[in-house]
Amino acid sequence: MSALFFWLLAAIIIASALAVVLLKNIVHSALYLVLTFVGVAGLYILLNAEFLAAVQLLVYAGAVAILIVFAVMLTRRGDIRASNLFNVNYLAAAVVSLALFIVITLATGRMAWTATPGQAPAGNVGAIADAFLGHFAIPFEIAAVLLLVAMVGAILLARGGKQDQ
């Protein structure tokens, strides 16, 4: 049954990722990006990595997608329907993507997969919380402040500077 869910999620992720790249409306591309992030979170749930699934949903599908939508809305473009135009280098990008896919497929095909799939250890979220809030509490808080400063800087850049009168 989990194999069926995997293939269903894989199809959703691939289709929505292609929609992100191929659609001409950037708002629709952003919404399909959210769907891609949710599908990846579903894969994490299939792997019994609940913490990664929650982080995927909160950070990527929530915060990054909202930032993308706000950035699109703050640009105030009248021609938003044709704002995600195709690049002239799409053929080169397709060749590089195909080459990368072949390299990754060959590399994973030659690996010796010795680990057997099974249940994740119980309480993996608790162990991660102990690591973050135990020995690494100070670096965790510094990273939070750094992200806050980056967010404030992005807002100031988006607003633009004051014009000299």
C-alpha atoms as a PDB file:
ATOM      1  CA  MET A   1       0.000   0.000   0.000  1.00  0.00           C
ATOM      2  CA  SER A   2       2.863   2.390   0.759  1.00  0.00           C
ATOM      3  CA  ALA A   3       4.294   1.736  -2.719  1.00  0.00           C
ATOM      4  CA  LEU A   4       1.013   2.959  -4.202  1.00  0.00           C
ATOM      5  CA  PHE A   5       1.181   6.135  -2.096  1.00  0.00           C
ATOM      6  CA  PHE A   6       4.813   6.634  -3.107  1.00  0.00           C
ATOM      7  CA  TRP A   7       4.052   6.439  -6.823  1.00  0.00           C
ATOM      8  CA  LEU A   8       1.005   8.672  -6.431  1.00  0.00           C
ATOM      9  CA  LEU A   9       3.048  11.288  -4.561  1.00  0.00           C
ATOM     10  CA  ALA A  10       5.898  10.969  -7.069  1.00  0.00           C
ATOM     11  CA  ALA A  11       3.507  11.615  -9.957  1.00  0.00           C
ATOM     12  CA  ILE A  12       2.029  14.639  -8.162  1.00  0.00           C
ATOM     13  CA  ILE A  13       5.486  16.033  -7.370  1.00  0.00           C
ATOM     14  CA  ILE A  14       6.779  15.608 -10.925  1.00  0.00           C
ATOM     15  CA  ALA A  15       3.633  17.045 -12.510  1.00  0.00           C
ATOM     16  CA  SER A  16       3.543  20.060 -10.201  1.00  0.00           C
ATOM     17  CA  ALA A  17       7.296  20.669 -10.615  1.00  0.00           C
ATOM     18  CA  LEU A  18       6.845  20.679 -14.380  1.00  0.00           C
ATOM     19  CA  ALA A  19       3.932  23.104 -13.953  1.00  0.00           C
ATOM     20  CA  VAL A  20       6.192  25.402 -11.909  1.00  0.00           C
ATOM     21  CA  VAL A  21       8.649  25.580 -14.778  1.00  0.00           C
ATOM     22  CA  LEU A  22       6.316  25.545 -17.761  1.00  0.00           C
ATOM     23  CA  LEU A  23       3.423  27.816 -16.762  1.00  0.00           C
ATOM     24  CA  LYS A  24       3.569  31.417 -17.923  1.00  0.00           C
ATOM     25  CA  ASN A  25       1.638  32.860 -14.975  1.00  0.00           C
ATOM     26  CA  ILE A  26       4.035  33.292 -12.065  1.00  0.00           C
ATOM     27  CA  VAL A  27       1.260  33.176  -9.457  1.00  0.00           C
ATOM     28  CA  HIS A  28       0.153  29.780 -10.726  1.00  0.00           C
ATOM     29  CA  SER A  29       3.786  28.663 -10.714  1.00  0.00           C
ATOM     30  CA  ALA A  30       4.082  29.702  -7.058  1.00  0.00           C
ATOM     31  CA  LEU A  31       0.948  27.749  -6.156  1.00  0.00           C
ATOM     32  CA  TYR A  32       2.235  24.651  -7.911  1.00  0.00           C
ATOM     33  CA  LEU A  33       5.493  25.090  -6.007  1.00  0.00           C
ATOM     34  CA  VAL A  34       3.465  24.850  -2.792  1.00  0.00           C
ATOM     35  CA  LEU A  35       1.910  21.626  -4.095  1.00  0.00           C
ATOM     36  CA  THR A  36       5.399  20.274  -4.820  1.00  0.00           C
ATOM     37  CA  PHE A  37       6.502  21.063  -1.250  1.00  0.00           C
ATOM     38  CA  VAL A  38       3.417  19.360   0.185  1.00  0.00           C
ATOM     39  CA  GLY A  39       4.120  16.269  -1.923  1.00  0.00           C
ATOM     40  CA  VAL A  40       7.689  16.103  -0.617  1.00  0.00           C
ATOM     41  CA  ALA A  41       6.314  16.370   2.928  1.00  0.00           C
ATOM     42  CA  GLY A  42       4.113  13.386   2.100  1.00  0.00           C
ATOM     43  CA  LEU A  43       7.211  11.431   1.085  1.00  0.00           C
ATOM     44  CA  TYR A  44       8.791  12.287   4.431  1.00  0.00           C
ATOM     45  CA  ILE A  45       5.704  10.921   6.183  1.00  0.00           C
ATOM     46  CA  LEU A  46       6.046   7.691   4.194  1.00  0.00           C
ATOM     47  CA  LEU A  47       9.637   7.472   5.469  1.00  0.00           C
ATOM     48  CA  ASN A  48       8.449   7.893   9.081  1.00  0.00           C
ATOM     49  CA  ALA A  49      10.268  11.214   9.391  1.00  0.00           C
ATOM     50  CA  GLU A  50       7.511  13.249  10.968  1.00  0.00           C
ATOM     51  CA  PHE A  51       9.798  16.068  12.047  1.00  0.00           C
ATOM     52  CA  LEU A  52      11.096  16.607   8.515  1.00  0.00           C
ATOM     53  CA  ALA A  53       7.535  16.521   7.181  1.00  0.00           C
ATOM     54  CA  ALA A  54       6.465  19.182   9.681  1.00  0.00           C
ATOM     55  CA  VAL A  55       9.486  21.354   8.863  1.00  0.00           C
ATOM     56  CA  GLN A  56       8.822  20.904   5.154  1.00  0.00           C
ATOM     57  CA  LEU A  57       5.238  22.067   5.563  1.00  0.00           C
ATOM     58  CA  LEU A  58       5.964  24.933   7.943  1.00  0.00           C
ATOM     59  CA  VAL A  59       9.118  26.332   6.401  1.00  0.00           C
ATOM     60  CA  TYR A  60       8.784  25.637   2.707  1.00  0.00           C
ATOM     61  CA  ALA A  61       5.105  25.207   1.955  1.00  0.00           C
ATOM     62  CA  GLY A  62       4.188  27.918   4.444  1.00  0.00           C
ATOM     63  CA  ALA A  63       6.817  30.592   4.786  1.00  0.00           C
ATOM     64  CA  VAL A  64       8.658  30.392   1.471  1.00  0.00           C
ATOM     65  CA  ALA A  65       5.462  30.114  -0.554  1.00  0.00           C
ATOM     66  CA  ILE A  66       3.941  33.101   1.268  1.00  0.00           C
ATOM     67  CA  LEU A  67       7.123  35.103   0.624  1.00  0.00           C
ATOM     68  CA  ILE A  68       6.963  34.212  -3.057  1.00  0.00           C
ATOM     69  CA  VAL A  69       3.332  35.268  -3.305  1.00  0.00           C
ATOM     70  CA  PHE A  70       4.020  38.529  -1.442  1.00  0.00           C
ATOM     71  CA  ALA A  71       6.993  39.268  -3.681  1.00  0.00           C
ATOM     72  CA  VAL A  72       4.841  38.713  -6.747  1.00  0.00           C
ATOM     73  CA  MET A  73       2.054  40.875  -5.375  1.00  0.00           C
ATOM     74  CA  LEU A  74       4.418  43.683  -4.310  1.00  0.00           C
ATOM     75  CA  THR A  75       5.810  44.102  -7.804  1.00  0.00           C
ATOM     76  CA  ARG A  76       2.451  45.480  -9.010  1.00  0.00           C
ATOM     77  CA  ARG A  77       2.879  44.360 -12.567  1.00  0.00           C
ATOM     78  CA  GLY A  78      -0.059  44.783 -14.880  1.00  0.00           C
ATOM     79  CA  ASP A  79       1.036  41.990 -17.202  1.00  0.00           C
ATOM     80  CA  ILE A  80       1.188  39.301 -14.508  1.00  0.00           C
ATOM     81  CA  ARG A  81      -0.350  36.696 -16.825  1.00  0.00           C
ATOM     82  CA  ALA A  82       2.754  36.628 -19.004  1.00  0.00           C
ATOM     83  CA  SER A  83       5.331  37.267 -16.297  1.00  0.00           C
ATOM     84  CA  ASN A  84       7.038  33.881 -16.331  1.00  0.00           C
ATOM     85  CA  LEU A  85       8.211  33.885 -19.921  1.00  0.00           C
ATOM     86  CA  PHE A  86      10.274  31.127 -21.433  1.00  0.00           C
ATOM     87  CA  ASN A  87      13.995  31.635 -21.646  1.00  0.00           C
ATOM     88  CA  VAL A  88      15.890  31.186 -24.891  1.00  0.00           C
ATOM     89  CA  ASN A  89      18.184  28.660 -23.180  1.00  0.00           C
ATOM     90  CA  TYR A  90      15.500  26.036 -22.591  1.00  0.00           C
ATOM     91  CA  LEU A  91      17.198  23.517 -24.869  1.00  0.00           C
ATOM     92  CA  ALA A  92      20.513  23.817 -23.025  1.00  0.00           C
ATOM     93  CA  ALA A  93      18.676  23.520 -19.709  1.00  0.00           C
ATOM     94  CA  ALA A  94      16.917  20.358 -20.924  1.00  0.00           C
ATOM     95  CA  VAL A  95      20.224  18.796 -21.999  1.00  0.00           C
ATOM     96  CA  VAL A  96      21.912  19.629 -18.673  1.00  0.00           C
ATOM     97  CA  SER A  97      18.896  18.307 -16.729  1.00  0.00           C
ATOM     98  CA  LEU A  98      18.898  15.061 -18.705  1.00  0.00           C
ATOM     99  CA  ALA A  99      22.645  14.627 -18.174  1.00  0.00           C
ATOM    100  CA  LEU A 100      22.258  15.245 -14.439  1.00  0.00           C
ATOM    101  CA  PHE A 101      19.399  12.732 -14.288  1.00  0.00           C
ATOM    102  CA  ILE A 102      21.533  10.108 -16.027  1.00  0.00           C
ATOM    103  CA  VAL A 103      24.492  10.723 -13.687  1.00  0.00           C
ATOM    104  CA  ILE A 104      22.297  10.480 -10.576  1.00  0.00           C
ATOM    105  CA  THR A 105      20.595   7.336 -11.877  1.00  0.00           C
ATOM    106  CA  LEU A 106      23.937   5.660 -12.612  1.00  0.00           C
ATOM    107  CA  ALA A 107      25.383   6.691  -9.246  1.00  0.00           C
ATOM    108  CA  THR A 108      22.426   5.372  -7.267  1.00  0.00           C
ATOM    109  CA  GLY A 109      22.293   2.205  -9.370  1.00  0.00           C
ATOM    110  CA  ARG A 110      25.893   1.340  -8.498  1.00  0.00           C
ATOM    111  CA  MET A 111      25.542   1.934  -4.755  1.00  0.00           C
ATOM    112  CA  ALA A 112      25.370  -0.984  -2.375  1.00  0.00           C
ATOM    113  CA  TRP A 113      22.119  -0.484  -0.504  1.00  0.00           C
ATOM    114  CA  THR A 114      22.727  -2.413   2.689  1.00  0.00           C
ATOM    115  CA  ALA A 115      20.230  -0.711   4.977  1.00  0.00           C
ATOM    116  CA  THR A 116      16.892  -2.444   5.275  1.00  0.00           C
ATOM    117  CA  PRO A 117      13.794  -0.280   5.371  1.00  0.00           C
ATOM    118  CA  GLY A 118      12.043  -0.239   8.671  1.00  0.00           C
ATOM    119  CA  GLN A 119      10.581   1.900  11.366  1.00  0.00           C
ATOM    120  CA  ALA A 120      12.383   5.014  12.487  1.00  0.00           C
ATOM    121  CA  PRO A 121      13.445   4.956  16.122  1.00  0.00           C
ATOM    122  CA  ALA A 122      10.707   6.008  18.472  1.00  0.00           C
ATOM    123  CA  GLY A 123      10.964   9.562  19.685  1.00  0.00           C
ATOM    124  CA  ASN A 124      13.073  10.926  16.844  1.00  0.00           C
ATOM    125  CA  VAL A 125      11.396  14.319  17.250  1.00  0.00           C
ATOM    126  CA  GLY A 126      12.331  14.351  20.937  1.00  0.00           C
ATOM    127  CA  ALA A 127      15.975  13.610  20.149  1.00  0.00           C
ATOM    128  CA  ILE A 128      16.080  16.444  17.622  1.00  0.00           C
ATOM    129  CA  ALA A 129      14.479  18.818  20.130  1.00  0.00           C
ATOM    130  CA  ASP A 130      17.025  17.813  22.786  1.00  0.00           C
ATOM    131  CA  ALA A 131      19.856  18.496  20.325  1.00  0.00           C
ATOM    132  CA  PHE A 132      18.456  21.890  19.311  1.00  0.00           C
ATOM    133  CA  LEU A 133      17.537  23.065  22.765  1.00  0.00           C
ATOM    134  CA  GLY A 134      20.306  21.321  24.682  1.00  0.00           C
ATOM    135  CA  HIS A 135      23.865  21.691  23.458  1.00  0.00           C
ATOM    136  CA  PHE A 136      22.985  23.774  20.407  1.00  0.00           C
ATOM    137  CA  ALA A 137      20.586  26.292  21.954  1.00  0.00           C
ATOM    138  CA  ILE A 138      22.868  29.297  21.405  1.00  0.00           C
ATOM    139  CA  PRO A 139      23.617  28.568  17.696  1.00  0.00           C
ATOM    140  CA  PHE A 140      19.915  27.860  17.159  1.00  0.00           C
ATOM    141  CA  GLU A 141      18.956  31.250  18.603  1.00  0.00           C
ATOM    142  CA  ILE A 142      21.708  33.013  16.615  1.00  0.00           C
ATOM    143  CA  ALA A 143      20.349  31.445  13.427  1.00  0.00           C
ATOM    144  CA  ALA A 144      16.844  32.637  14.364  1.00  0.00           C
ATOM    145  CA  VAL A 145      18.077  36.207  14.867  1.00  0.00           C
ATOM    146  CA  LEU A 146      20.013  36.043  11.592  1.00  0.00           C
ATOM    147  CA  LEU A 147      16.874  34.949   9.743  1.00  0.00           C
ATOM    148  CA  LEU A 148      14.900  37.761  11.377  1.00  0.00           C
ATOM    149  CA  VAL A 149      17.490  40.328  10.277  1.00  0.00           C
ATOM    150  CA  ALA A 150      17.436  38.877   6.740  1.00  0.00           C
ATOM    151  CA  MET A 151      13.644  39.117   6.654  1.00  0.00           C
ATOM    152  CA  VAL A 152      13.677  42.754   7.807  1.00  0.00           C
ATOM    153  CA  GLY A 153      16.351  43.533   5.217  1.00  0.00           C
ATOM    154  CA  ALA A 154      14.292  41.897   2.479  1.00  0.00           C
ATOM    155  CA  ILE A 155      11.266  43.967   3.475  1.00  0.00           C
ATOM    156  CA  LEU A 156      13.324  47.166   3.384  1.00  0.00           C
ATOM    157  CA  LEU A 157      14.730  46.268  -0.021  1.00  0.00           C
ATOM    158  CA  ALA A 158      11.259  45.476  -1.338  1.00  0.00           C
ATOM    159  CA  ARG A 159       9.911  48.820  -0.147  1.00  0.00           C
ATOM    160  CA  GLY A 160      12.721  50.715  -1.831  1.00  0.00           C
ATOM    161  CA  GLY A 161      14.704  53.664  -0.574  1.00  0.00           C
ATOM    162  CA  LYS A 162      13.375  57.136   0.092  1.00  0.00           C
ATOM    163  CA  GLN A 163      13.559  59.464  -2.852  1.00  0.00           C
ATOM    164  CA  ASP A 164      15.555  62.676  -2.411  1.00  0.00           C
ATOM    165  CA  GLN A 165      13.306  65.699  -2.623  1.00  0.00           C
END
